Amino acid sequence: MNRMGHPTTRAALIYQHTAMERDRAIADVLGRLAKEALNKQDQDGSGT
C-alpha cells in the first residue's frame, strides 16, 4: 500500500482530486445558501 491506503500514488492522486472537487461543490452550495439567508434577513429588516 502506498499513500492514504491506496495501492498506487496515481490512485491516491485521483482520490485527492475527486475529494477536492466534491469539497469545492459543497462549499459553493453552502456559500450560496448563506448569501441567500443573509439577503432574506436584510429584506426582513432583521439583518445586519
PDB file of N, CA and C in Angstrom:
ATOM      1  N   MET A   1       0.841  -1.185   0.000  1.00  0.00           N
ATOM      2  CA  MET A   1       0.000   0.000   0.000  1.00  0.00           C
ATOM      3  C   MET A   1       0.879   1.239   0.000  1.00  0.00           C
ATOM      4  N   ASN A   2       0.347   2.260  -0.623  1.00  0.00           N
ATOM      5  CA  ASN A   2       1.081   3.500  -0.732  1.00  0.00           C
ATOM      6  C   ASN A   2       0.374   4.574   0.070  1.00  0.00           C
ATOM      7  N   ARG A   3       0.309   5.764  -0.422  1.00  0.00           N
ATOM      8  CA  ARG A   3      -0.290   6.897   0.266  1.00  0.00           C
ATOM      9  C   ARG A   3      -1.768   6.698   0.541  1.00  0.00           C
ATOM     10  N   MET A   4      -2.202   7.129   1.694  1.00  0.00           N
ATOM     11  CA  MET A   4      -3.609   7.159   2.092  1.00  0.00           C
ATOM     12  C   MET A   4      -4.299   5.805   1.915  1.00  0.00           C
ATOM     13  N   GLY A   5      -3.558   4.700   2.011  1.00  0.00           N
ATOM     14  CA  GLY A   5      -4.159   3.386   1.907  1.00  0.00           C
ATOM     15  C   GLY A   5      -4.465   2.939   0.495  1.00  0.00           C
ATOM     16  N   HIS A   6      -4.028   3.690  -0.518  1.00  0.00           N
ATOM     17  CA  HIS A   6      -4.263   3.316  -1.905  1.00  0.00           C
ATOM     18  C   HIS A   6      -3.052   2.550  -2.427  1.00  0.00           C
ATOM     19  N   PRO A   7      -3.285   1.620  -3.341  1.00  0.00           N
ATOM     20  CA  PRO A   7      -2.187   0.770  -3.816  1.00  0.00           C
ATOM     21  C   PRO A   7      -1.141   1.506  -4.657  1.00  0.00           C
ATOM     22  N   THR A   8      -1.495   2.616  -5.258  1.00  0.00           N
ATOM     23  CA  THR A   8      -0.535   3.361  -6.072  1.00  0.00           C
ATOM     24  C   THR A   8      -0.640   4.853  -5.788  1.00  0.00           C
ATOM     25  N   THR A   9       0.417   5.553  -6.107  1.00  0.00           N
ATOM     26  CA  THR A   9       0.406   7.011  -5.974  1.00  0.00           C
ATOM     27  C   THR A   9      -0.654   7.598  -6.898  1.00  0.00           C
ATOM     28  N   ARG A  10      -0.796   7.023  -8.103  1.00  0.00           N
ATOM     29  CA  ARG A  10      -1.792   7.510  -9.059  1.00  0.00           C
ATOM     30  C   ARG A  10      -3.198   7.403  -8.470  1.00  0.00           C
ATOM     31  N   ALA A  11      -3.503   6.277  -7.839  1.00  0.00           N
ATOM     32  CA  ALA A  11      -4.825   6.100  -7.231  1.00  0.00           C
ATOM     33  C   ALA A  11      -5.048   7.133  -6.132  1.00  0.00           C
ATOM     34  N   ALA A  12      -4.021   7.390  -5.343  1.00  0.00           N
ATOM     35  CA  ALA A  12      -4.135   8.386  -4.273  1.00  0.00           C
ATOM     36  C   ALA A  12      -4.397   9.770  -4.856  1.00  0.00           C
ATOM     37  N   LEU A  13      -3.715  10.117  -5.939  1.00  0.00           N
ATOM     38  CA  LEU A  13      -3.904  11.433  -6.558  1.00  0.00           C
ATOM     39  C   LEU A  13      -5.294  11.571  -7.166  1.00  0.00           C
ATOM     40  N   ILE A  14      -5.784  10.507  -7.783  1.00  0.00           N
ATOM     41  CA  ILE A  14      -7.140  10.530  -8.336  1.00  0.00           C
ATOM     42  C   ILE A  14      -8.146  10.740  -7.209  1.00  0.00           C
ATOM     43  N   TYR A  15      -7.965  10.025  -6.100  1.00  0.00           N
ATOM     44  CA  TYR A  15      -8.864  10.171  -4.958  1.00  0.00           C
ATOM     45  C   TYR A  15      -8.821  11.607  -4.427  1.00  0.00           C
ATOM     46  N   GLN A  16      -7.621  12.150  -4.274  1.00  0.00           N
ATOM     47  CA  GLN A  16      -7.482  13.517  -3.753  1.00  0.00           C
ATOM     48  C   GLN A  16      -8.170  14.517  -4.664  1.00  0.00           C
ATOM     49  N   HIS A  17      -7.994  14.369  -5.963  1.00  0.00           N
ATOM     50  CA  HIS A  17      -8.600  15.300  -6.916  1.00  0.00           C
ATOM     51  C   HIS A  17     -10.128  15.233  -6.821  1.00  0.00           C
ATOM     52  N   THR A  18     -10.656  14.029  -6.760  1.00  0.00           N
ATOM     53  CA  THR A  18     -12.107  13.844  -6.657  1.00  0.00           C
ATOM     54  C   THR A  18     -12.633  14.444  -5.356  1.00  0.00           C
ATOM     55  N   ALA A  19     -11.915  14.218  -4.270  1.00  0.00           N
ATOM     56  CA  ALA A  19     -12.333  14.755  -2.972  1.00  0.00           C
ATOM     57  C   ALA A  19     -12.310  16.282  -2.993  1.00  0.00           C
ATOM     58  N   MET A  20     -11.297  16.878  -3.633  1.00  0.00           N
ATOM     59  CA  MET A  20     -11.215  18.338  -3.703  1.00  0.00           C
ATOM     60  C   MET A  20     -12.374  18.905  -4.523  1.00  0.00           C
ATOM     61  N   GLU A  21     -12.727  18.237  -5.626  1.00  0.00           N
ATOM     62  CA  GLU A  21     -13.862  18.697  -6.434  1.00  0.00           C
ATOM     63  C   GLU A  21     -15.157  18.632  -5.631  1.00  0.00           C
ATOM     64  N   ARG A  22     -15.341  17.547  -4.882  1.00  0.00           N
ATOM     65  CA  ARG A  22     -16.544  17.386  -4.068  1.00  0.00           C
ATOM     66  C   ARG A  22     -16.582  18.449  -2.969  1.00  0.00           C
ATOM     67  N   ASP A  23     -15.460  18.684  -2.327  1.00  0.00           N
ATOM     68  CA  ASP A  23     -15.394  19.712  -1.287  1.00  0.00           C
ATOM     69  C   ASP A  23     -15.713  21.094  -1.858  1.00  0.00           C
ATOM     70  N   ARG A  24     -15.226  21.387  -3.056  1.00  0.00           N
ATOM     71  CA  ARG A  24     -15.486  22.675  -3.695  1.00  0.00           C
ATOM     72  C   ARG A  24     -16.973  22.823  -3.998  1.00  0.00           C
ATOM     73  N   ALA A  25     -17.593  21.750  -4.487  1.00  0.00           N
ATOM     74  CA  ALA A  25     -19.026  21.794  -4.800  1.00  0.00           C
ATOM     75  C   ALA A  25     -19.846  22.029  -3.532  1.00  0.00           C
ATOM     76  N   ILE A  26     -19.478  21.359  -2.447  1.00  0.00           N
ATOM     77  CA  ILE A  26     -20.183  21.540  -1.176  1.00  0.00           C
ATOM     78  C   ILE A  26     -20.005  22.976  -0.677  1.00  0.00           C
ATOM     79  N   ALA A  27     -18.785  23.492  -0.750  1.00  0.00           N
ATOM     80  CA  ALA A  27     -18.521  24.864  -0.299  1.00  0.00           C
ATOM     81  C   ALA A  27     -19.305  25.874  -1.126  1.00  0.00           C
ATOM     82  N   ASP A  28     -19.393  25.637  -2.435  1.00  0.00           N
ATOM     83  CA  ASP A  28     -20.155  26.551  -3.295  1.00  0.00           C
ATOM     84  C   ASP A  28     -21.625  26.594  -2.898  1.00  0.00           C
ATOM     85  N   VAL A  29     -22.214  25.427  -2.649  1.00  0.00           N
ATOM     86  CA  VAL A  29     -23.630  25.371  -2.257  1.00  0.00           C
ATOM     87  C   VAL A  29     -23.839  26.027  -0.897  1.00  0.00           C
ATOM     88  N   LEU A  30     -22.960  25.738   0.060  1.00  0.00           N
ATOM     89  CA  LEU A  30     -23.096  26.348   1.383  1.00  0.00           C
ATOM     90  C   LEU A  30     -22.940  27.867   1.310  1.00  0.00           C
ATOM     91  N   GLY A  31     -22.014  28.338   0.489  1.00  0.00           N
ATOM     92  CA  GLY A  31     -21.842  29.775   0.319  1.00  0.00           C
ATOM     93  C   GLY A  31     -23.081  30.420  -0.270  1.00  0.00           C
ATOM     94  N   ARG A  32     -23.668  29.775  -1.265  1.00  0.00           N
ATOM     95  CA  ARG A  32     -24.883  30.304  -1.892  1.00  0.00           C
ATOM     96  C   ARG A  32     -26.036  30.339  -0.885  1.00  0.00           C
ATOM     97  N   LEU A  33     -26.170  29.281  -0.096  1.00  0.00           N
ATOM     98  CA  LEU A  33     -27.229  29.244   0.916  1.00  0.00           C
ATOM     99  C   LEU A  33     -27.034  30.343   1.960  1.00  0.00           C
ATOM    100  N   ALA A  34     -25.789  30.569   2.353  1.00  0.00           N
ATOM    101  CA  ALA A  34     -25.502  31.614   3.339  1.00  0.00           C
ATOM    102  C   ALA A  34     -25.850  32.989   2.787  1.00  0.00           C
ATOM    103  N   LYS A  35     -25.484  33.242   1.527  1.00  0.00           N
ATOM    104  CA  LYS A  35     -25.812  34.538   0.911  1.00  0.00           C
ATOM    105  C   LYS A  35     -27.319  34.739   0.831  1.00  0.00           C
ATOM    106  N   GLU A  36     -28.035  33.682   0.437  1.00  0.00           N
ATOM    107  CA  GLU A  36     -29.496  33.782   0.357  1.00  0.00           C
ATOM    108  C   GLU A  36     -30.101  34.077   1.724  1.00  0.00           C
ATOM    109  N   ALA A  37     -29.594  33.411   2.759  1.00  0.00           N
ATOM    110  CA  ALA A  37     -30.112  33.621   4.110  1.00  0.00           C
ATOM    111  C   ALA A  37     -29.838  35.055   4.572  1.00  0.00           C
ATOM    112  N   LEU A  38     -28.635  35.560   4.284  1.00  0.00           N
ATOM    113  CA  LEU A  38     -28.304  36.935   4.683  1.00  0.00           C
ATOM    114  C   LEU A  38     -29.151  37.945   3.921  1.00  0.00           C
ATOM    115  N   ASN A  39     -29.362  37.704   2.628  1.00  0.00           N
ATOM    116  CA  ASN A  39     -30.199  38.606   1.842  1.00  0.00           C
ATOM    117  C   ASN A  39     -31.635  38.607   2.354  1.00  0.00           C
ATOM    118  N   LYS A  40     -32.149  37.440   2.677  1.00  0.00           N
ATOM    119  CA  LYS A  40     -33.513  37.330   3.198  1.00  0.00           C
ATOM    120  C   LYS A  40     -33.616  38.060   4.540  1.00  0.00           C
ATOM    121  N   GLN A  41     -32.602  37.873   5.375  1.00  0.00           N
ATOM    122  CA  GLN A  41     -32.584  38.520   6.685  1.00  0.00           C
ATOM    123  C   GLN A  41     -32.577  40.042   6.519  1.00  0.00           C
ATOM    124  N   ASP A  42     -31.799  40.547   5.580  1.00  0.00           N
ATOM    125  CA  ASP A  42     -31.732  42.001   5.322  1.00  0.00           C
ATOM    126  C   ASP A  42     -33.075  42.521   4.798  1.00  0.00           C
ATOM    127  N   GLN A  43     -33.729  41.763   3.942  1.00  0.00           N
ATOM    128  CA  GLN A  43     -35.018  42.161   3.386  1.00  0.00           C
ATOM    129  C   GLN A  43     -36.099  42.200   4.462  1.00  0.00           C
ATOM    130  N   ASP A  44     -35.982  41.322   5.447  1.00  0.00           N
ATOM    131  CA  ASP A  44     -36.962  41.276   6.542  1.00  0.00           C
ATOM    132  C   ASP A  44     -36.718  42.400   7.555  1.00  0.00           C
ATOM    133  N   GLY A  45     -35.616  43.102   7.406  1.00  0.00           N
ATOM    134  CA  GLY A  45     -35.312  44.193   8.325  1.00  0.00           C
ATOM    135  C   GLY A  45     -34.684  43.719   9.620  1.00  0.00           C
ATOM    136  N   SER A  46     -34.317  42.460   9.668  1.00  0.00           N
ATOM    137  CA  SER A  46     -33.725  41.936  10.899  1.00  0.00           C
ATOM    138  C   SER A  46     -32.266  41.579  10.697  1.00  0.00           C
ATOM    139  N   GLY A  47     -31.659  42.077   9.617  1.00  0.00           N
ATOM    140  CA  GLY A  47     -30.281  41.740   9.310  1.00  0.00           C
ATOM    141  C   GLY A  47     -29.289  42.680   9.936  1.00  0.00           C
ATOM    142  N   THR A  48     -28.101  42.581   9.422  1.00  0.00           N
ATOM    143  CA  THR A  48     -27.009  43.393   9.962  1.00  0.00           C
ATOM    144  C   THR A  48     -26.985  44.763   9.338  1.00  0.00           C
TER     145      THR A  48
END
